[in-house]
Amino acid sequence: MNEKFNENLRKARQEKRLTQQQVADLLGVAKSTYCQYETGASEPNILRLKKLAKILETNIDSLLGIEPPEQLEKDFNKLKDKFGEERLLAYFEALKKVIE
């Protein structure tokens, strides 16, 4: 899972002003199990991940730290406006070669 998941989970819980015990109870797991999610020692399965998102009134993408495609497009357009499309595409091509 995303390395930011445990941090995002903790922040989402704190924003809802819930304790670890309260979330664990709503999730139907032991507090120690939930604590492992927040420390990164363990990860929830997809069903628990969906339930966590519902409990914390957020979405899975936010918990996983995944930006929605619309945000990525906005960010790309900002870079394009700042550096120019040609220069930006040249940068991505160079980066692609480095990765390969």
Protein backbone atom coordinates (compact mmCIF):
# COMPACT_ATOMS: atom_id res chain seq x y z
CA MET A 1 0.00 0.00 0.00
CA ASN A 2 1.06 3.59 -0.38
CA GLU A 3 3.71 4.64 2.14
CA LYS A 4 1.57 7.65 3.13
CA PHE A 5 -1.47 5.52 3.94
CA ASN A 6 -0.79 5.27 7.67
CA GLU A 7 -0.19 9.03 7.93
CA ASN A 8 -3.31 9.84 5.91
CA LEU A 9 -5.35 7.43 8.03
CA ARG A 10 -4.19 9.05 11.27
CA LYS A 11 -4.89 12.56 9.95
CA ALA A 12 -8.36 11.59 8.75
CA ARG A 13 -9.18 10.06 12.14
CA GLN A 14 -7.90 13.10 14.00
CA GLU A 15 -9.88 15.46 11.76
CA LYS A 16 -13.05 13.56 12.70
CA ARG A 17 -12.00 13.83 16.36
CA LEU A 18 -12.24 10.07 16.85
CA THR A 19 -10.02 7.96 19.06
CA GLN A 20 -8.26 4.87 17.80
CA GLN A 21 -10.58 2.81 19.98
CA GLN A 22 -13.68 4.41 18.48
CA VAL A 23 -12.53 3.70 14.93
CA ALA A 24 -11.54 0.16 15.86
CA ASP A 25 -14.99 -0.44 17.38
CA LEU A 26 -16.77 0.95 14.30
CA LEU A 27 -14.52 -1.12 12.07
CA GLY A 28 -15.10 -4.26 14.14
CA VAL A 29 -11.44 -4.93 14.94
CA ALA A 30 -9.28 -4.86 18.06
CA LYS A 31 -7.66 -1.55 18.91
CA SER A 32 -4.25 -3.20 18.45
CA THR A 33 -5.19 -4.15 14.88
CA TYR A 34 -6.26 -0.61 14.07
CA CYS A 35 -3.09 0.79 15.68
CA GLN A 36 -1.05 -1.39 13.34
CA TYR A 37 -2.75 0.32 10.38
CA GLU A 38 -1.73 3.74 11.69
CA THR A 39 1.85 2.68 12.39
CA GLY A 40 2.25 0.92 9.05
CA ALA A 41 2.90 -2.46 10.70
CA SER A 42 -0.16 -3.94 8.97
CA GLU A 43 -2.59 -3.03 6.20
CA PRO A 44 -6.35 -3.45 5.99
CA ASN A 45 -7.88 -5.62 3.30
CA ILE A 46 -10.00 -3.91 0.64
CA LEU A 47 -13.27 -4.43 2.52
CA ARG A 48 -11.88 -2.82 5.66
CA LEU A 49 -10.33 -0.05 3.59
CA LYS A 50 -13.75 0.74 2.13
CA LYS A 51 -15.28 0.68 5.61
CA LEU A 52 -12.54 2.96 6.97
CA ALA A 53 -13.23 5.48 4.22
CA LYS A 54 -16.93 5.42 5.10
CA ILE A 55 -16.30 5.75 8.85
CA LEU A 56 -13.92 8.67 8.30
CA GLU A 57 -16.19 10.27 5.69
CA THR A 58 -13.49 10.31 3.04
CA ASN A 59 -12.59 8.21 0.02
CA ILE A 60 -10.05 5.49 -0.60
CA ASP A 61 -8.01 7.68 -2.94
CA SER A 62 -7.52 10.23 -0.17
CA LEU A 63 -6.46 7.57 2.30
CA LEU A 64 -4.01 6.14 -0.22
CA GLY A 65 -2.72 9.57 -1.19
CA ILE A 66 -3.79 9.21 -4.81
CA GLU A 67 -4.57 12.44 -6.59
CA PRO A 68 -7.68 12.37 -8.77
CA PRO A 69 -7.04 12.59 -12.53
CA GLU A 70 -8.55 16.07 -12.62
CA GLN A 71 -5.96 17.33 -10.15
CA LEU A 72 -3.14 15.73 -12.13
CA GLU A 73 -4.39 17.44 -15.27
CA LYS A 74 -4.58 20.79 -13.48
CA ASP A 75 -1.03 20.33 -12.21
CA PHE A 76 0.19 19.39 -15.69
CA ASN A 77 -1.48 22.45 -17.18
CA LYS A 78 0.16 24.71 -14.59
CA LEU A 79 3.56 23.27 -15.50
CA LYS A 80 2.76 23.61 -19.20
CA ASP A 81 1.84 27.26 -18.74
CA LYS A 82 4.99 27.93 -16.73
CA PHE A 83 7.54 26.08 -18.89
CA GLY A 84 5.84 25.64 -22.24
CA GLU A 85 4.49 22.42 -23.67
CA GLU A 86 7.52 21.67 -25.85
CA ARG A 87 10.00 22.00 -22.98
CA LEU A 88 7.80 19.99 -20.64
CA LEU A 89 7.39 17.15 -23.14
CA ALA A 90 11.17 17.11 -23.71
CA TYR A 91 11.64 16.82 -19.96
CA PHE A 92 9.23 13.88 -19.75
CA GLU A 93 10.96 12.13 -22.66
CA ALA A 94 14.34 12.53 -20.95
CA LEU A 95 12.87 11.23 -17.70
CA LYS A 96 11.36 8.26 -19.51
CA LYS A 97 14.79 7.35 -20.93
CA VAL A 98 16.36 7.53 -17.48
CA ILE A 99 13.70 5.22 -16.05
CA GLU A 100 14.13 2.70 -18.87
